[in-house]
Amino acid sequence: PMHSKIRDEGQVSVYLSSGNIWIK
């Protein structure tokens, strides 16, 4: 929520699971 480039916009990172392999 405190991730910011310009203002306090926040960020959500998505990690897709393929069993024990993760893709961001």
mmCIF file of all heavy atoms, coordinates in Angstrom:
data_MODEL
# 
_entry.id   MODEL 
# 
loop_
_atom_site.group_PDB 
_atom_site.id 
_atom_site.type_symbol 
_atom_site.label_atom_id 
_atom_site.label_alt_id 
_atom_site.label_comp_id 
_atom_site.label_asym_id 
_atom_site.label_entity_id 
_atom_site.label_seq_id 
_atom_site.pdbx_PDB_ins_code 
_atom_site.Cartn_x 
_atom_site.Cartn_y 
_atom_site.Cartn_z 
_atom_site.occupancy 
_atom_site.B_iso_or_equiv 
_atom_site.pdbx_formal_charge 
_atom_site.auth_seq_id 
_atom_site.auth_comp_id 
_atom_site.auth_asym_id 
_atom_site.auth_atom_id 
_atom_site.pdbx_PDB_model_num 
ATOM 1   N N   . PRO A 1 1  ? 0.782  -1.238  0.000   1.00 0.00 ? 1  PRO A N   1 
ATOM 2   C CA  . PRO A 1 1  ? 0.000  0.000   0.000   1.00 0.00 ? 1  PRO A CA  1 
ATOM 3   C C   . PRO A 1 1  ? 0.812  1.286   0.000   1.00 0.00 ? 1  PRO A C   1 
ATOM 4   O O   . PRO A 1 1  ? 0.310  2.323   -0.422  1.00 0.00 ? 1  PRO A O   1 
ATOM 5   C CB  . PRO A 1 1  ? -0.839 -0.109  1.274   1.00 0.00 ? 1  PRO A CB  1 
ATOM 6   C CG  . PRO A 1 1  ? -0.069 -1.018  2.153   1.00 0.00 ? 1  PRO A CG  1 
ATOM 7   C CD  . PRO A 1 1  ? 0.597  -1.995  1.234   1.00 0.00 ? 1  PRO A CD  1 
ATOM 8   N N   . MET A 1 2  ? 2.066  1.222   0.419   1.00 0.00 ? 2  MET A N   1 
ATOM 9   C CA  . MET A 1 2  ? 2.885  2.429   0.465   1.00 0.00 ? 2  MET A CA  1 
ATOM 10  C C   . MET A 1 2  ? 3.816  2.546   -0.742  1.00 0.00 ? 2  MET A C   1 
ATOM 11  O O   . MET A 1 2  ? 4.639  3.449   -0.799  1.00 0.00 ? 2  MET A O   1 
ATOM 12  C CB  . MET A 1 2  ? 3.699  2.458   1.762   1.00 0.00 ? 2  MET A CB  1 
ATOM 13  C CG  . MET A 1 2  ? 2.853  2.336   3.010   1.00 0.00 ? 2  MET A CG  1 
ATOM 14  S SD  . MET A 1 2  ? 1.568  3.573   3.122   1.00 0.00 ? 2  MET A SD  1 
ATOM 15  C CE  . MET A 1 2  ? 2.492  4.892   3.841   1.00 0.00 ? 2  MET A CE  1 
ATOM 16  N N   . HIS A 1 3  ? 3.679  1.639   -1.703  1.00 0.00 ? 3  HIS A N   1 
ATOM 17  C CA  . HIS A 1 3  ? 4.491  1.707   -2.922  1.00 0.00 ? 3  HIS A CA  1 
ATOM 18  C C   . HIS A 1 3  ? 4.085  2.963   -3.679  1.00 0.00 ? 3  HIS A C   1 
ATOM 19  O O   . HIS A 1 3  ? 2.910  3.231   -3.880  1.00 0.00 ? 3  HIS A O   1 
ATOM 20  C CB  . HIS A 1 3  ? 4.245  0.469   -3.790  1.00 0.00 ? 3  HIS A CB  1 
ATOM 21  C CG  . HIS A 1 3  ? 5.157  0.383   -4.965  1.00 0.00 ? 3  HIS A CG  1 
ATOM 22  N ND1 . HIS A 1 3  ? 4.924  1.053   -6.135  1.00 0.00 ? 3  HIS A ND1 1 
ATOM 23  C CD2 . HIS A 1 3  ? 6.329  -0.290  -5.138  1.00 0.00 ? 3  HIS A CD2 1 
ATOM 24  C CE1 . HIS A 1 3  ? 5.890  0.794   -6.981  1.00 0.00 ? 3  HIS A CE1 1 
ATOM 25  N NE2 . HIS A 1 3  ? 6.755  -0.017  -6.401  1.00 0.00 ? 3  HIS A NE2 1 
ATOM 26  N N   . SER A 1 4  ? 5.074  3.736   -4.090  1.00 0.00 ? 4  SER A N   1 
ATOM 27  C CA  . SER A 1 4  ? 4.744  5.019   -4.679  1.00 0.00 ? 4  SER A CA  1 
ATOM 28  C C   . SER A 1 4  ? 5.780  5.428   -5.706  1.00 0.00 ? 4  SER A C   1 
ATOM 29  O O   . SER A 1 4  ? 6.974  5.341   -5.471  1.00 0.00 ? 4  SER A O   1 
ATOM 30  C CB  . SER A 1 4  ? 4.668  6.076   -3.577  1.00 0.00 ? 4  SER A CB  1 
ATOM 31  O OG  . SER A 1 4  ? 4.383  7.331   -4.119  1.00 0.00 ? 4  SER A OG  1 
ATOM 32  N N   . LYS A 1 5  ? 5.311  5.902   -6.851  1.00 0.00 ? 5  LYS A N   1 
ATOM 33  C CA  . LYS A 1 5  ? 6.200  6.483   -7.868  1.00 0.00 ? 5  LYS A CA  1 
ATOM 34  C C   . LYS A 1 5  ? 5.967  7.989   -7.939  1.00 0.00 ? 5  LYS A C   1 
ATOM 35  O O   . LYS A 1 5  ? 6.894  8.757   -8.044  1.00 0.00 ? 5  LYS A O   1 
ATOM 36  C CB  . LYS A 1 5  ? 5.941  5.843   -9.222  1.00 0.00 ? 5  LYS A CB  1 
ATOM 37  C CG  . LYS A 1 5  ? 6.250  4.367   -9.221  1.00 0.00 ? 5  LYS A CG  1 
ATOM 38  C CD  . LYS A 1 5  ? 7.109  4.001   -10.359 1.00 0.00 ? 5  LYS A CD  1 
ATOM 39  C CE  . LYS A 1 5  ? 7.257  2.501   -10.342 1.00 0.00 ? 5  LYS A CE  1 
ATOM 40  N NZ  . LYS A 1 5  ? 8.522  2.027   -10.637 1.00 0.00 ? 5  LYS A NZ  1 
ATOM 41  N N   . ILE A 1 6  ? 4.688  8.389   -7.915  1.00 0.00 ? 6  ILE A N   1 
ATOM 42  C CA  . ILE A 1 6  ? 4.351  9.813   -7.991  1.00 0.00 ? 6  ILE A CA  1 
ATOM 43  C C   . ILE A 1 6  ? 3.733  10.275  -6.677  1.00 0.00 ? 6  ILE A C   1 
ATOM 44  O O   . ILE A 1 6  ? 4.188  11.198  -6.048  1.00 0.00 ? 6  ILE A O   1 
ATOM 45  C CB  . ILE A 1 6  ? 3.374  10.082  -9.157  1.00 0.00 ? 6  ILE A CB  1 
ATOM 46  C CG1 . ILE A 1 6  ? 4.035  9.675   -10.474 1.00 0.00 ? 6  ILE A CG1 1 
ATOM 47  C CG2 . ILE A 1 6  ? 2.947  11.536  -9.176  1.00 0.00 ? 6  ILE A CG2 1 
ATOM 48  C CD1 . ILE A 1 6  ? 3.100  9.669   -11.647 1.00 0.00 ? 6  ILE A CD1 1 
ATOM 49  N N   . ARG A 1 7  ? 2.672  9.589   -6.268  1.00 0.00 ? 7  ARG A N   1 
ATOM 50  C CA  . ARG A 1 7  ? 1.997  9.863   -5.002  1.00 0.00 ? 7  ARG A CA  1 
ATOM 51  C C   . ARG A 1 7  ? 1.836  8.550   -4.270  1.00 0.00 ? 7  ARG A C   1 
ATOM 52  O O   . ARG A 1 7  ? 2.488  7.574   -4.598  1.00 0.00 ? 7  ARG A O   1 
ATOM 53  C CB  . ARG A 1 7  ? 0.641  10.513  -5.277  1.00 0.00 ? 7  ARG A CB  1 
ATOM 54  C CG  . ARG A 1 7  ? 0.762  11.894  -5.851  1.00 0.00 ? 7  ARG A CG  1 
ATOM 55  C CD  . ARG A 1 7  ? -0.609 12.554  -5.969  1.00 0.00 ? 7  ARG A CD  1 
ATOM 56  N NE  . ARG A 1 7  ? -0.536 13.671  -6.883  1.00 0.00 ? 7  ARG A NE  1 
ATOM 57  C CZ  . ARG A 1 7  ? -0.775 13.602  -8.170  1.00 0.00 ? 7  ARG A CZ  1 
ATOM 58  N NH1 . ARG A 1 7  ? -1.150 12.487  -8.731  1.00 0.00 ? 7  ARG A NH1 1 
ATOM 59  N NH2 . ARG A 1 7  ? -0.672 14.669  -8.927  1.00 0.00 ? 7  ARG A NH2 1 
ATOM 60  N N   . ASP A 1 8  ? 0.957  8.466   -3.330  1.00 0.00 ? 8  ASP A N   1 
ATOM 61  C CA  . ASP A 1 8  ? 0.725  7.234   -2.571  1.00 0.00 ? 8  ASP A CA  1 
ATOM 62  C C   . ASP A 1 8  ? -0.308 6.364   -3.260  1.00 0.00 ? 8  ASP A C   1 
ATOM 63  O O   . ASP A 1 8  ? -1.422 6.206   -2.788  1.00 0.00 ? 8  ASP A O   1 
ATOM 64  C CB  . ASP A 1 8  ? 0.254  7.571   -1.147  1.00 0.00 ? 8  ASP A CB  1 
ATOM 65  C CG  . ASP A 1 8  ? 1.314  8.289   -0.360  1.00 0.00 ? 8  ASP A CG  1 
ATOM 66  O OD1 . ASP A 1 8  ? 2.503  8.067   -0.657  1.00 0.00 ? 8  ASP A OD1 1 
ATOM 67  O OD2 . ASP A 1 8  ? 0.964  9.051   0.547   1.00 0.00 ? 8  ASP A OD2 1 
ATOM 68  N N   . GLU A 1 9  ? 0.060  5.777   -4.397  1.00 0.00 ? 9  GLU A N   1 
ATOM 69  C CA  . GLU A 1 9  ? -0.916 4.994   -5.144  1.00 0.00 ? 9  GLU A CA  1 
ATOM 70  C C   . GLU A 1 9  ? -0.972 3.530   -4.739  1.00 0.00 ? 9  GLU A C   1 
ATOM 71  O O   . GLU A 1 9  ? -1.957 2.858   -4.974  1.00 0.00 ? 9  GLU A O   1 
ATOM 72  C CB  . GLU A 1 9  ? -0.686 5.109   -6.659  1.00 0.00 ? 9  GLU A CB  1 
ATOM 73  C CG  . GLU A 1 9  ? 0.661  4.636   -7.132  1.00 0.00 ? 9  GLU A CG  1 
ATOM 74  C CD  . GLU A 1 9  ? 1.707  5.725   -7.234  1.00 0.00 ? 9  GLU A CD  1 
ATOM 75  O OE1 . GLU A 1 9  ? 1.471  6.855   -6.795  1.00 0.00 ? 9  GLU A OE1 1 
ATOM 76  O OE2 . GLU A 1 9  ? 2.792  5.422   -7.744  1.00 0.00 ? 9  GLU A OE2 1 
ATOM 77  N N   . GLY A 1 10 ? 0.085  2.963   -4.179  1.00 0.00 ? 10 GLY A N   1 
ATOM 78  C CA  . GLY A 1 10 ? 0.091  1.561   -3.798  1.00 0.00 ? 10 GLY A CA  1 
ATOM 79  C C   . GLY A 1 10 ? 0.284  0.640   -4.992  1.00 0.00 ? 10 GLY A C   1 
ATOM 80  O O   . GLY A 1 10 ? 0.300  1.078   -6.148  1.00 0.00 ? 10 GLY A O   1 
ATOM 81  N N   . GLN A 1 11 ? 0.453  -0.659  -4.714  1.00 0.00 ? 11 GLN A N   1 
ATOM 82  C CA  . GLN A 1 11 ? 0.670  -1.637  -5.784  1.00 0.00 ? 11 GLN A CA  1 
ATOM 83  C C   . GLN A 1 11 ? 0.201  -3.007  -5.342  1.00 0.00 ? 11 GLN A C   1 
ATOM 84  O O   . GLN A 1 11 ? 0.294  -3.356  -4.174  1.00 0.00 ? 11 GLN A O   1 
ATOM 85  C CB  . GLN A 1 11 ? 2.161  -1.700  -6.106  1.00 0.00 ? 11 GLN A CB  1 
ATOM 86  C CG  . GLN A 1 11 ? 2.543  -2.758  -7.121  1.00 0.00 ? 11 GLN A CG  1 
ATOM 87  C CD  . GLN A 1 11 ? 4.015  -2.734  -7.429  1.00 0.00 ? 11 GLN A CD  1 
ATOM 88  O OE1 . GLN A 1 11 ? 4.534  -1.741  -7.893  1.00 0.00 ? 11 GLN A OE1 1 
ATOM 89  N NE2 . GLN A 1 11 ? 4.691  -3.818  -7.141  1.00 0.00 ? 11 GLN A NE2 1 
ATOM 90  N N   . VAL A 1 12 ? -0.300 -3.790  -6.294  1.00 0.00 ? 12 VAL A N   1 
ATOM 91  C CA  . VAL A 1 12 ? -0.627 -5.191  -6.060  1.00 0.00 ? 12 VAL A CA  1 
ATOM 92  C C   . VAL A 1 12 ? 0.214  -6.015  -7.027  1.00 0.00 ? 12 VAL A C   1 
ATOM 93  O O   . VAL A 1 12 ? 0.200  -5.770  -8.237  1.00 0.00 ? 12 VAL A O   1 
ATOM 94  C CB  . VAL A 1 12 ? -2.127 -5.481  -6.289  1.00 0.00 ? 12 VAL A CB  1 
ATOM 95  C CG1 . VAL A 1 12 ? -2.400 -6.971  -6.172  1.00 0.00 ? 12 VAL A CG1 1 
ATOM 96  C CG2 . VAL A 1 12 ? -2.978 -4.702  -5.301  1.00 0.00 ? 12 VAL A CG2 1 
ATOM 97  N N   . SER A 1 13 ? 0.975  -6.966  -6.498  1.00 0.00 ? 13 SER A N   1 
ATOM 98  C CA  . SER A 1 13 ? 1.761  -7.882  -7.326  1.00 0.00 ? 13 SER A CA  1 
ATOM 99  C C   . SER A 1 13 ? 0.995  -9.186  -7.441  1.00 0.00 ? 13 SER A C   1 
ATOM 100 O O   . SER A 1 13 ? 0.408  -9.661  -6.472  1.00 0.00 ? 13 SER A O   1 
ATOM 101 C CB  . SER A 1 13 ? 3.127  -8.144  -6.691  1.00 0.00 ? 13 SER A CB  1 
ATOM 102 O OG  . SER A 1 13 ? 3.864  -6.952  -6.594  1.00 0.00 ? 13 SER A OG  1 
ATOM 103 N N   . VAL A 1 14 ? 0.998  -9.766  -8.637  1.00 0.00 ? 14 VAL A N   1 
ATOM 104 C CA  . VAL A 1 14 ? 0.280  -11.010 -8.907  1.00 0.00 ? 14 VAL A CA  1 
ATOM 105 C C   . VAL A 1 14 ? 1.301  -12.107 -9.168  1.00 0.00 ? 14 VAL A C   1 
ATOM 106 O O   . VAL A 1 14 ? 2.181  -11.959 -10.020 1.00 0.00 ? 14 VAL A O   1 
ATOM 107 C CB  . VAL A 1 14 ? -0.650 -10.858 -10.131 1.00 0.00 ? 14 VAL A CB  1 
ATOM 108 C CG1 . VAL A 1 14 ? -1.359 -12.168 -10.430 1.00 0.00 ? 14 VAL A CG1 1 
ATOM 109 C CG2 . VAL A 1 14 ? -1.654 -9.737  -9.903  1.00 0.00 ? 14 VAL A CG2 1 
ATOM 110 N N   . TYR A 1 15 ? 1.187  -13.211 -8.423  1.00 0.00 ? 15 TYR A N   1 
ATOM 111 C CA  . TYR A 1 15 ? 2.039  -14.379 -8.608  1.00 0.00 ? 15 TYR A CA  1 
ATOM 112 C C   . TYR A 1 15 ? 1.146  -15.550 -9.003  1.00 0.00 ? 15 TYR A C   1 
ATOM 113 O O   . TYR A 1 15 ? 0.289  -15.967 -8.227  1.00 0.00 ? 15 TYR A O   1 
ATOM 114 C CB  . TYR A 1 15 ? 2.802  -14.704 -7.318  1.00 0.00 ? 15 TYR A CB  1 
ATOM 115 C CG  . TYR A 1 15 ? 3.795  -13.642 -6.945  1.00 0.00 ? 15 TYR A CG  1 
ATOM 116 C CD1 . TYR A 1 15 ? 3.418  -12.549 -6.173  1.00 0.00 ? 15 TYR A CD1 1 
ATOM 117 C CD2 . TYR A 1 15 ? 5.108  -13.722 -7.385  1.00 0.00 ? 15 TYR A CD2 1 
ATOM 118 C CE1 . TYR A 1 15 ? 4.328  -11.562 -5.838  1.00 0.00 ? 15 TYR A CE1 1 
ATOM 119 C CE2 . TYR A 1 15 ? 6.032  -12.742 -7.053  1.00 0.00 ? 15 TYR A CE2 1 
ATOM 120 C CZ  . TYR A 1 15 ? 5.626  -11.665 -6.284  1.00 0.00 ? 15 TYR A CZ  1 
ATOM 121 O OH  . TYR A 1 15 ? 6.535  -10.688 -5.949  1.00 0.00 ? 15 TYR A OH  1 
ATOM 122 N N   . LEU A 1 16 ? 1.339  -16.045 -10.224 1.00 0.00 ? 16 LEU A N   1 
ATOM 123 C CA  . LEU A 1 16 ? 0.557  -17.171 -10.720 1.00 0.00 ? 16 LEU A CA  1 
ATOM 124 C C   . LEU A 1 16 ? 1.283  -18.473 -10.387 1.00 0.00 ? 16 LEU A C   1 
ATOM 125 O O   . LEU A 1 16 ? 2.478  -18.605 -10.649 1.00 0.00 ? 16 LEU A O   1 
ATOM 126 C CB  . LEU A 1 16 ? 0.352  -17.069 -12.228 1.00 0.00 ? 16 LEU A CB  1 
ATOM 127 C CG  . LEU A 1 16 ? -0.411 -15.837 -12.715 1.00 0.00 ? 16 LEU A CG  1 
ATOM 128 C CD1 . LEU A 1 16 ? -0.441 -15.794 -14.233 1.00 0.00 ? 16 LEU A CD1 1 
ATOM 129 C CD2 . LEU A 1 16 ? -1.808 -15.805 -12.145 1.00 0.00 ? 16 LEU A CD2 1 
ATOM 130 N N   . SER A 1 17 ? 0.562  -19.423 -9.824  1.00 0.00 ? 17 SER A N   1 
ATOM 131 C CA  . SER A 1 17 ? 1.143  -20.698 -9.433  1.00 0.00 ? 17 SER A CA  1 
ATOM 132 C C   . SER A 1 17 ? 0.937  -21.742 -10.511 1.00 0.00 ? 17 SER A C   1 
ATOM 133 O O   . SER A 1 17 ? -0.127 -21.854 -11.096 1.00 0.00 ? 17 SER A O   1 
ATOM 134 C CB  . SER A 1 17 ? 0.511  -21.192 -8.131  1.00 0.00 ? 17 SER A CB  1 
ATOM 135 O OG  . SER A 1 17 ? 0.997  -22.473 -7.825  1.00 0.00 ? 17 SER A OG  1 
ATOM 136 N N   . SER A 1 18 ? 1.994  -22.514 -10.755 1.00 0.00 ? 18 SER A N   1 
ATOM 137 C CA  . SER A 1 18 ? 1.914  -23.685 -11.625 1.00 0.00 ? 18 SER A CA  1 
ATOM 138 C C   . SER A 1 18 ? 2.462  -24.869 -10.846 1.00 0.00 ? 18 SER A C   1 
ATOM 139 O O   . SER A 1 18 ? 3.394  -25.542 -11.264 1.00 0.00 ? 18 SER A O   1 
ATOM 140 C CB  . SER A 1 18 ? 2.737  -23.480 -12.895 1.00 0.00 ? 18 SER A CB  1 
ATOM 141 O OG  . SER A 1 18 ? 2.232  -22.427 -13.643 1.00 0.00 ? 18 SER A OG  1 
ATOM 142 N N   . GLY A 1 19 ? 1.942  -25.099 -9.662  1.00 0.00 ? 19 GLY A N   1 
ATOM 143 C CA  . GLY A 1 19 ? 2.477  -26.121 -8.769  1.00 0.00 ? 19 GLY A CA  1 
ATOM 144 C C   . GLY A 1 19 ? 3.584  -25.500 -7.941  1.00 0.00 ? 19 GLY A C   1 
ATOM 145 O O   . GLY A 1 19 ? 3.325  -24.626 -7.149  1.00 0.00 ? 19 GLY A O   1 
ATOM 146 N N   . ASN A 1 20 ? 4.806  -25.908 -8.168  1.00 0.00 ? 20 ASN A N   1 
ATOM 147 C CA  . ASN A 1 20 ? 5.934  -25.328 -7.426  1.00 0.00 ? 20 ASN A CA  1 
ATOM 148 C C   . ASN A 1 20 ? 6.704  -24.314 -8.259  1.00 0.00 ? 20 ASN A C   1 
ATOM 149 O O   . ASN A 1 20 ? 7.809  -23.947 -7.909  1.00 0.00 ? 20 ASN A O   1 
ATOM 150 C CB  . ASN A 1 20 ? 6.854  -26.434 -6.914  1.00 0.00 ? 20 ASN A CB  1 
ATOM 151 C CG  . ASN A 1 20 ? 6.211  -27.203 -5.791  1.00 0.00 ? 20 ASN A CG  1 
ATOM 152 O OD1 . ASN A 1 20 ? 5.509  -26.632 -4.974  1.00 0.00 ? 20 ASN A OD1 1 
ATOM 153 N ND2 . ASN A 1 20 ? 6.431  -28.501 -5.754  1.00 0.00 ? 20 ASN A ND2 1 
ATOM 154 N N   . ILE A 1 21 ? 6.125  -23.878 -9.374  1.00 0.00 ? 21 ILE A N   1 
ATOM 155 C CA  . ILE A 1 21 ? 6.743  -22.853 -10.216 1.00 0.00 ? 21 ILE A CA  1 
ATOM 156 C C   . ILE A 1 21 ? 5.866  -21.612 -10.143 1.00 0.00 ? 21 ILE A C   1 
ATOM 157 O O   . ILE A 1 21 ? 4.650  -21.684 -10.300 1.00 0.00 ? 21 ILE A O   1 
ATOM 158 C CB  . ILE A 1 21 ? 6.868  -23.340 -11.677 1.00 0.00 ? 21 ILE A CB  1 
ATOM 159 C CG1 . ILE A 1 21 ? 7.728  -24.596 -11.732 1.00 0.00 ? 21 ILE A CG1 1 
ATOM 160 C CG2 . ILE A 1 21 ? 7.420  -22.250 -12.575 1.00 0.00 ? 21 ILE A CG2 1 
ATOM 161 C CD1 . ILE A 1 21 ? 7.710  -25.292 -13.064 1.00 0.00 ? 21 ILE A CD1 1 
ATOM 162 N N   . TRP A 1 22 ? 6.505  -20.452 -9.929  1.00 0.00 ? 22 TRP A N   1 
ATOM 163 C CA  . TRP A 1 22 ? 5.757  -19.201 -9.793  1.00 0.00 ? 22 TRP A CA  1 
ATOM 164 C C   . TRP A 1 22 ? 6.129  -18.240 -10.905 1.00 0.00 ? 22 TRP A C   1 
ATOM 165 O O   . TRP A 1 22 ? 7.281  -18.120 -11.272 1.00 0.00 ? 22 TRP A O   1 
ATOM 166 C CB  . TRP A 1 22 ? 6.049  -18.569 -8.426  1.00 0.00 ? 22 TRP A CB  1 
ATOM 167 C CG  . TRP A 1 22 ? 5.437  -19.341 -7.343  1.00 0.00 ? 22 TRP A CG  1 
ATOM 168 C CD1 . TRP A 1 22 ? 5.956  -20.419 -6.700  1.00 0.00 ? 22 TRP A CD1 1 
ATOM 169 C CD2 . TRP A 1 22 ? 4.143  -19.150 -6.803  1.00 0.00 ? 22 TRP A CD2 1 
ATOM 170 N NE1 . TRP A 1 22 ? 5.074  -20.901 -5.773  1.00 0.00 ? 22 TRP A NE1 1 
ATOM 171 C CE2 . TRP A 1 22 ? 3.944  -20.138 -5.803  1.00 0.00 ? 22 TRP A CE2 1 
ATOM 172 C CE3 . TRP A 1 22 ? 3.130  -18.243 -7.035  1.00 0.00 ? 22 TRP A CE3 1 
ATOM 173 C CZ2 . TRP A 1 22 ? 2.780  -20.223 -5.070  1.00 0.00 ? 22 TRP A CZ2 1 
ATOM 174 C CZ3 . TRP A 1 22 ? 1.976  -18.323 -6.295  1.00 0.00 ? 22 TRP A CZ3 1 
ATOM 175 C CH2 . TRP A 1 22 ? 1.808  -19.321 -5.325  1.00 0.00 ? 22 TRP A CH2 1 
ATOM 176 N N   . ILE A 1 23 ? 5.127  -17.554 -11.431 1.00 0.00 ? 23 ILE A N   1 
ATOM 177 C CA  . ILE A 1 23 ? 5.324  -16.571 -12.472 1.00 0.00 ? 23 ILE A CA  1 
ATOM 178 C C   . ILE A 1 23 ? 4.798  -15.235 -11.954 1.00 0.00 ? 23 ILE A C   1 
ATOM 179 O O   . ILE A 1 23 ? 3.658  -15.160 -11.506 1.00 0.00 ? 23 ILE A O   1 
ATOM 180 C CB  . ILE A 1 23 ? 4.558  -16.953 -13.761 1.00 0.00 ? 23 ILE A CB  1 
ATOM 181 C CG1 . ILE A 1 23 ? 5.005  -18.324 -14.236 1.00 0.00 ? 23 ILE A CG1 1 
ATOM 182 C CG2 . ILE A 1 23 ? 4.742  -15.907 -14.840 1.00 0.00 ? 23 ILE A CG2 1 
ATOM 183 C CD1 . ILE A 1 23 ? 4.078  -18.951 -15.246 1.00 0.00 ? 23 ILE A CD1 1 
ATOM 184 N N   . LYS A 1 24 ? 5.612  -14.220 -12.003 1.00 0.00 ? 24 LYS A N   1 
ATOM 185 C CA  . LYS A 1 24 ? 5.172  -12.902 -11.543 1.00 0.00 ? 24 LYS A CA  1 
ATOM 186 C C   . LYS A 1 24 ? 4.669  -12.113 -12.723 1.00 0.00 ? 24 LYS A C   1 
ATOM 187 O O   . LYS A 1 24 ? 5.166  -12.137 -13.784 1.00 0.00 ? 24 LYS A O   1 
ATOM 188 C CB  . LYS A 1 24 ? 6.300  -12.150 -10.858 1.00 0.00 ? 24 LYS A CB  1 
ATOM 189 C CG  . LYS A 1 24 ? 5.835  -10.796 -10.380 1.00 0.00 ? 24 LYS A CG  1 
ATOM 190 C CD  . LYS A 1 24 ? 6.895  -10.084 -9.622  1.00 0.00 ? 24 LYS A CD  1 
ATOM 191 C CE  . LYS A 1 24 ? 6.332  -8.744  -9.187  1.00 0.00 ? 24 LYS A CE  1 
ATOM 192 N NZ  . LYS A 1 24 ? 7.265  -7.872  -8.601  1.00 0.00 ? 24 LYS A NZ  1 
# 
